[in-house]
Amino acid sequence: MERVDSLPLTIVAALTFFAATVGINLVANFIPPAYDLANLFPSKISFKMGGLITAVIAFFVGALWISVISQIGVPGFVNALGAIVAPFYGIIVVDYYLIKRQHLNMQELFSSAPGSAYYYVNGWNTRALIAFGVAAMFSLSTVLVPALASLGGYGWLIGAGLGGVFYYGLMKRFKAAPVMPEQKAG
């Protein structure tokens, strides 16, 4: 567009790029987290409230971008974010394939009733939260601790592996896996 000598055409192109950027960011970065937050506590958080929470978080991330995140650098930020999120992946994979052996009770999967198969302790799987916390600390330390800088690029793999291993150990040791009807018959 810099080669075009027409001011009206340049303005139209700039507005088009602006509209495309805003539209894509709304669809990709705003609406999904707003719905996720609304689905996390549907009785307390509406889509509108989820959108407001998302906007506040985005504001603080944007405010921190120049002062903190740009000092770390994009690769460091992405490695740190991956190291934090990776244990979730390990926990989910181990839970589905090793703990529940690919059997899910679809009726109770979306139930929040006490005593349902996935209710655990007051609606929270505390063993998964412990596994996540410990694994996330280890994997995040590969990014933040200078002595472990050589492992920095492996934070995601370390986090996913440790999350899965810790979760498997906690679930097997305390026999906390819900028994599915399909497993009783087999």
C-alpha atoms as a PDB file:
ATOM      1  CA  MET A   1       0.000   0.000   0.000  1.00  0.00           C
ATOM      2  CA  GLU A   2       2.959   2.319   0.472  1.00  0.00           C
ATOM      3  CA  ARG A   3       3.475   2.413  -3.298  1.00  0.00           C
ATOM      4  CA  VAL A   4      -0.037   3.719  -3.981  1.00  0.00           C
ATOM      5  CA  ASP A   5      -0.109   7.504  -4.303  1.00  0.00           C
ATOM      6  CA  SER A   6      -3.810   7.842  -3.548  1.00  0.00           C
ATOM      7  CA  LEU A   7      -4.711   9.058  -0.057  1.00  0.00           C
ATOM      8  CA  PRO A   8      -8.349   7.832  -0.223  1.00  0.00           C
ATOM      9  CA  LEU A   9      -7.219   4.363  -1.319  1.00  0.00           C
ATOM     10  CA  THR A  10      -4.627   4.281   1.480  1.00  0.00           C
ATOM     11  CA  ILE A  11      -7.310   5.221   4.034  1.00  0.00           C
ATOM     12  CA  VAL A  12      -9.672   2.520   2.728  1.00  0.00           C
ATOM     13  CA  ALA A  13      -6.866  -0.058   2.874  1.00  0.00           C
ATOM     14  CA  ALA A  14      -5.919   0.988   6.413  1.00  0.00           C
ATOM     15  CA  LEU A  15      -9.541   0.730   7.573  1.00  0.00           C
ATOM     16  CA  THR A  16      -9.852  -2.672   5.904  1.00  0.00           C
ATOM     17  CA  PHE A  17      -6.710  -3.954   7.657  1.00  0.00           C
ATOM     18  CA  PHE A  18      -7.979  -2.522  10.951  1.00  0.00           C
ATOM     19  CA  ALA A  19     -11.399  -4.169  10.582  1.00  0.00           C
ATOM     20  CA  ALA A  20      -9.819  -7.512   9.631  1.00  0.00           C
ATOM     21  CA  THR A  21      -7.441  -7.396  12.598  1.00  0.00           C
ATOM     22  CA  VAL A  22     -10.191  -6.521  15.076  1.00  0.00           C
ATOM     23  CA  GLY A  23     -12.539  -9.167  13.640  1.00  0.00           C
ATOM     24  CA  ILE A  24      -9.976 -11.945  13.745  1.00  0.00           C
ATOM     25  CA  ASN A  25      -8.851 -11.034  17.257  1.00  0.00           C
ATOM     26  CA  LEU A  26     -12.442 -10.973  18.510  1.00  0.00           C
ATOM     27  CA  VAL A  27     -13.199 -14.393  17.067  1.00  0.00           C
ATOM     28  CA  ALA A  28      -9.891 -15.992  18.045  1.00  0.00           C
ATOM     29  CA  ASN A  29      -8.902 -14.273  21.286  1.00  0.00           C
ATOM     30  CA  PHE A  30     -11.991 -12.790  22.936  1.00  0.00           C
ATOM     31  CA  ILE A  31     -15.104 -14.883  22.324  1.00  0.00           C
ATOM     32  CA  PRO A  32     -13.653 -18.328  23.243  1.00  0.00           C
ATOM     33  CA  PRO A  33     -12.292 -17.277  26.655  1.00  0.00           C
ATOM     34  CA  ALA A  34     -15.495 -15.360  27.395  1.00  0.00           C
ATOM     35  CA  TYR A  35     -17.531 -18.523  26.741  1.00  0.00           C
ATOM     36  CA  ASP A  36     -15.008 -20.652  28.673  1.00  0.00           C
ATOM     37  CA  LEU A  37     -15.349 -18.432  31.728  1.00  0.00           C
ATOM     38  CA  ALA A  38     -19.134 -18.427  31.392  1.00  0.00           C
ATOM     39  CA  ASN A  39     -19.143 -22.240  31.213  1.00  0.00           C
ATOM     40  CA  LEU A  40     -16.799 -22.550  34.186  1.00  0.00           C
ATOM     41  CA  PHE A  41     -19.432 -21.176  36.599  1.00  0.00           C
ATOM     42  CA  PRO A  42     -22.662 -20.841  34.571  1.00  0.00           C
ATOM     43  CA  SER A  43     -24.772 -19.874  37.585  1.00  0.00           C
ATOM     44  CA  LYS A  44     -22.447 -16.988  38.475  1.00  0.00           C
ATOM     45  CA  ILE A  45     -20.794 -15.853  35.225  1.00  0.00           C
ATOM     46  CA  SER A  46     -22.758 -14.858  32.127  1.00  0.00           C
ATOM     47  CA  PHE A  47     -21.209 -14.432  28.682  1.00  0.00           C
ATOM     48  CA  LYS A  48     -21.178 -10.674  29.275  1.00  0.00           C
ATOM     49  CA  MET A  49     -19.360 -11.062  32.605  1.00  0.00           C
ATOM     50  CA  GLY A  50     -16.965 -13.561  30.995  1.00  0.00           C
ATOM     51  CA  GLY A  51     -16.261 -10.956  28.321  1.00  0.00           C
ATOM     52  CA  LEU A  52     -15.556  -8.317  30.956  1.00  0.00           C
ATOM     53  CA  ILE A  53     -13.196 -10.644  32.820  1.00  0.00           C
ATOM     54  CA  THR A  54     -11.451 -11.469  29.545  1.00  0.00           C
ATOM     55  CA  ALA A  55     -11.111  -7.764  28.736  1.00  0.00           C
ATOM     56  CA  VAL A  56      -9.597  -6.990  32.152  1.00  0.00           C
ATOM     57  CA  ILE A  57      -7.098  -9.848  31.839  1.00  0.00           C
ATOM     58  CA  ALA A  58      -6.251  -8.742  28.292  1.00  0.00           C
ATOM     59  CA  PHE A  59      -5.739  -5.185  29.522  1.00  0.00           C
ATOM     60  CA  PHE A  60      -3.231  -6.328  32.140  1.00  0.00           C
ATOM     61  CA  VAL A  61      -1.435  -8.607  29.678  1.00  0.00           C
ATOM     62  CA  GLY A  62      -1.239  -5.671  27.270  1.00  0.00           C
ATOM     63  CA  ALA A  63      -0.007  -3.379  30.018  1.00  0.00           C
ATOM     64  CA  LEU A  64       2.644  -5.897  31.047  1.00  0.00           C
ATOM     65  CA  TRP A  65       3.710  -6.517  27.463  1.00  0.00           C
ATOM     66  CA  ILE A  66       5.998  -3.517  27.190  1.00  0.00           C
ATOM     67  CA  SER A  67       7.295  -3.467  30.756  1.00  0.00           C
ATOM     68  CA  VAL A  68       7.774  -7.171  31.475  1.00  0.00           C
ATOM     69  CA  ILE A  69       7.051  -9.516  28.588  1.00  0.00           C
ATOM     70  CA  SER A  70       9.081  -7.606  25.999  1.00  0.00           C
ATOM     71  CA  GLN A  71      12.074  -7.820  28.372  1.00  0.00           C
ATOM     72  CA  ILE A  72      11.709 -11.605  28.520  1.00  0.00           C
ATOM     73  CA  GLY A  73      11.225 -11.793  24.772  1.00  0.00           C
ATOM     74  CA  VAL A  74       8.605 -13.613  22.747  1.00  0.00           C
ATOM     75  CA  PRO A  75      10.423 -16.985  22.819  1.00  0.00           C
ATOM     76  CA  GLY A  76      10.824 -16.773  26.601  1.00  0.00           C
ATOM     77  CA  PHE A  77       7.177 -15.792  27.026  1.00  0.00           C
ATOM     78  CA  VAL A  78       5.969 -18.617  24.777  1.00  0.00           C
ATOM     79  CA  ASN A  79       8.232 -21.115  26.571  1.00  0.00           C
ATOM     80  CA  ALA A  80       6.938 -19.947  29.970  1.00  0.00           C
ATOM     81  CA  LEU A  81       3.316 -20.113  28.828  1.00  0.00           C
ATOM     82  CA  GLY A  82       3.862 -23.580  27.358  1.00  0.00           C
ATOM     83  CA  ALA A  83       5.574 -24.742  30.542  1.00  0.00           C
ATOM     84  CA  ILE A  84       2.550 -23.637  32.565  1.00  0.00           C
ATOM     85  CA  VAL A  85      -0.087 -25.137  30.251  1.00  0.00           C
ATOM     86  CA  ALA A  86       1.744 -28.392  29.433  1.00  0.00           C
ATOM     87  CA  PRO A  87       0.925 -30.251  32.670  1.00  0.00           C
ATOM     88  CA  PHE A  88      -2.778 -29.994  31.785  1.00  0.00           C
ATOM     89  CA  TYR A  89      -2.071 -31.918  28.584  1.00  0.00           C
ATOM     90  CA  GLY A  90      -0.160 -34.650  30.417  1.00  0.00           C
ATOM     91  CA  ILE A  91      -2.893 -34.974  33.029  1.00  0.00           C
ATOM     92  CA  ILE A  92      -5.679 -35.165  30.436  1.00  0.00           C
ATOM     93  CA  VAL A  93      -3.870 -37.782  28.326  1.00  0.00           C
ATOM     94  CA  VAL A  94      -2.984 -39.973  31.305  1.00  0.00           C
ATOM     95  CA  ASP A  95      -6.482 -39.669  32.758  1.00  0.00           C
ATOM     96  CA  TYR A  96      -8.162 -40.706  29.518  1.00  0.00           C
ATOM     97  CA  TYR A  97      -5.796 -43.455  28.372  1.00  0.00           C
ATOM     98  CA  LEU A  98      -4.371 -44.928  31.580  1.00  0.00           C
ATOM     99  CA  ILE A  99      -6.758 -44.120  34.420  1.00  0.00           C
ATOM    100  CA  LYS A 100     -10.136 -44.355  32.686  1.00  0.00           C
ATOM    101  CA  ARG A 101      -8.912 -46.686  29.913  1.00  0.00           C
ATOM    102  CA  GLN A 102     -10.772 -44.726  27.218  1.00  0.00           C
ATOM    103  CA  HIS A 103     -14.143 -45.167  28.928  1.00  0.00           C
ATOM    104  CA  LEU A 104     -16.140 -42.075  29.779  1.00  0.00           C
ATOM    105  CA  ASN A 105     -19.569 -41.996  31.362  1.00  0.00           C
ATOM    106  CA  MET A 106     -21.205 -39.437  29.076  1.00  0.00           C
ATOM    107  CA  GLN A 107     -24.232 -39.013  31.342  1.00  0.00           C
ATOM    108  CA  GLU A 108     -22.124 -38.067  34.340  1.00  0.00           C
ATOM    109  CA  LEU A 109     -19.385 -36.220  32.449  1.00  0.00           C
ATOM    110  CA  PHE A 110     -21.418 -33.018  32.533  1.00  0.00           C
ATOM    111  CA  SER A 111     -23.025 -33.593  35.925  1.00  0.00           C
ATOM    112  CA  SER A 112     -22.076 -31.460  38.893  1.00  0.00           C
ATOM    113  CA  ALA A 113     -24.118 -33.559  41.315  1.00  0.00           C
ATOM    114  CA  PRO A 114     -22.284 -34.759  44.416  1.00  0.00           C
ATOM    115  CA  GLY A 115     -21.555 -38.453  44.148  1.00  0.00           C
ATOM    116  CA  SER A 116     -21.305 -38.464  40.342  1.00  0.00           C
ATOM    117  CA  ALA A 117     -18.333 -40.187  38.751  1.00  0.00           C
ATOM    118  CA  TYR A 118     -16.398 -36.985  38.089  1.00  0.00           C
ATOM    119  CA  TYR A 119     -17.348 -34.953  41.162  1.00  0.00           C
ATOM    120  CA  TYR A 120     -14.233 -35.899  43.179  1.00  0.00           C
ATOM    121  CA  VAL A 121     -13.876 -33.515  46.201  1.00  0.00           C
ATOM    122  CA  ASN A 122     -16.425 -30.682  46.165  1.00  0.00           C
ATOM    123  CA  GLY A 123     -16.304 -30.713  42.367  1.00  0.00           C
ATOM    124  CA  TRP A 124     -12.499 -30.496  42.142  1.00  0.00           C
ATOM    125  CA  ASN A 125     -10.017 -33.229  41.352  1.00  0.00           C
ATOM    126  CA  THR A 126      -7.468 -32.236  43.992  1.00  0.00           C
ATOM    127  CA  ARG A 127      -4.994 -34.880  42.845  1.00  0.00           C
ATOM    128  CA  ALA A 128      -4.991 -33.342  39.372  1.00  0.00           C
ATOM    129  CA  LEU A 129      -4.494 -29.880  40.865  1.00  0.00           C
ATOM    130  CA  ILE A 130      -1.550 -31.102  42.968  1.00  0.00           C
ATOM    131  CA  ALA A 131       0.012 -32.836  39.956  1.00  0.00           C
ATOM    132  CA  PHE A 132      -0.479 -29.682  37.887  1.00  0.00           C
ATOM    133  CA  GLY A 133       1.049 -27.406  40.535  1.00  0.00           C
ATOM    134  CA  VAL A 134       4.154 -29.518  41.089  1.00  0.00           C
ATOM    135  CA  ALA A 135       4.727 -30.177  37.377  1.00  0.00           C
ATOM    136  CA  ALA A 136       4.150 -26.532  36.440  1.00  0.00           C
ATOM    137  CA  MET A 137       6.704 -25.393  39.020  1.00  0.00           C
ATOM    138  CA  PHE A 138       9.317 -27.767  37.643  1.00  0.00           C
ATOM    139  CA  SER A 139       8.654 -26.969  33.991  1.00  0.00           C
ATOM    140  CA  LEU A 140       8.458 -23.223  34.624  1.00  0.00           C
ATOM    141  CA  SER A 141      11.775 -23.361  36.442  1.00  0.00           C
ATOM    142  CA  THR A 142      13.396 -24.540  33.173  1.00  0.00           C
ATOM    143  CA  VAL A 143      12.485 -21.153  31.738  1.00  0.00           C
ATOM    144  CA  LEU A 144      13.100 -18.892  34.736  1.00  0.00           C
ATOM    145  CA  VAL A 145      16.094 -20.427  36.567  1.00  0.00           C
ATOM    146  CA  PRO A 146      19.359 -19.508  34.816  1.00  0.00           C
ATOM    147  CA  ALA A 147      21.056 -22.774  35.900  1.00  0.00           C
ATOM    148  CA  LEU A 148      18.387 -24.695  33.949  1.00  0.00           C
ATOM    149  CA  ALA A 149      18.521 -22.485  30.846  1.00  0.00           C
ATOM    150  CA  SER A 150      19.754 -25.380  28.713  1.00  0.00           C
ATOM    151  CA  LEU A 151      16.388 -27.082  29.304  1.00  0.00           C
ATOM    152  CA  GLY A 152      14.389 -23.946  28.432  1.00  0.00           C
ATOM    153  CA  GLY A 153      13.182 -25.209  25.079  1.00  0.00           C
ATOM    154  CA  TYR A 154      11.990 -28.438  26.662  1.00  0.00           C
ATOM    155  CA  GLY A 155       9.708 -26.840  29.255  1.00  0.00           C
ATOM    156  CA  TRP A 156       6.578 -28.041  27.468  1.00  0.00           C
ATOM    157  CA  LEU A 157       7.769 -31.647  27.218  1.00  0.00           C
ATOM    158  CA  ILE A 158       8.961 -31.648  30.818  1.00  0.00           C
ATOM    159  CA  GLY A 159       5.679 -30.155  32.029  1.00  0.00           C
ATOM    160  CA  ALA A 160       3.510 -32.586  30.077  1.00  0.00           C
ATOM    161  CA  GLY A 161       5.579 -35.588  31.123  1.00  0.00           C
ATOM    162  CA  LEU A 162       5.783 -34.638  34.780  1.00  0.00           C
ATOM    163  CA  GLY A 163       2.103 -33.694  34.928  1.00  0.00           C
ATOM    164  CA  GLY A 164       1.146 -37.097  33.555  1.00  0.00           C
ATOM    165  CA  VAL A 165       3.565 -39.023  35.785  1.00  0.00           C
ATOM    166  CA  PHE A 166       2.574 -37.189  38.980  1.00  0.00           C
ATOM    167  CA  TYR A 167      -1.127 -37.520  38.184  1.00  0.00           C
ATOM    168  CA  TYR A 168      -0.828 -41.229  37.410  1.00  0.00           C
ATOM    169  CA  GLY A 169       1.065 -41.807  40.657  1.00  0.00           C
ATOM    170  CA  LEU A 170      -1.453 -39.876  42.744  1.00  0.00           C
ATOM    171  CA  MET A 171      -4.499 -41.492  41.136  1.00  0.00           C
ATOM    172  CA  LYS A 172      -3.129 -45.035  41.337  1.00  0.00           C
ATOM    173  CA  ARG A 173      -1.753 -44.665  44.862  1.00  0.00           C
ATOM    174  CA  PHE A 174      -5.038 -43.410  46.284  1.00  0.00           C
ATOM    175  CA  LYS A 175      -7.334 -45.497  44.054  1.00  0.00           C
ATOM    176  CA  ALA A 176      -9.329 -42.417  43.064  1.00  0.00           C
ATOM    177  CA  ALA A 177     -10.324 -43.380  39.547  1.00  0.00           C
ATOM    178  CA  PRO A 178     -14.093 -43.649  39.177  1.00  0.00           C
ATOM    179  CA  VAL A 179     -15.236 -47.081  38.059  1.00  0.00           C
ATOM    180  CA  MET A 180     -17.293 -46.929  34.883  1.00  0.00           C
ATOM    181  CA  PRO A 181     -20.155 -49.334  34.200  1.00  0.00           C
ATOM    182  CA  GLU A 182     -18.247 -50.588  31.148  1.00  0.00           C
ATOM    183  CA  GLN A 183     -15.268 -51.461  33.333  1.00  0.00           C
ATOM    184  CA  LYS A 184     -17.385 -53.440  35.826  1.00  0.00           C
ATOM    185  CA  ALA A 185     -18.718 -55.712  33.079  1.00  0.00           C
ATOM    186  CA  GLY A 186     -15.228 -56.450  31.683  1.00  0.00           C
END
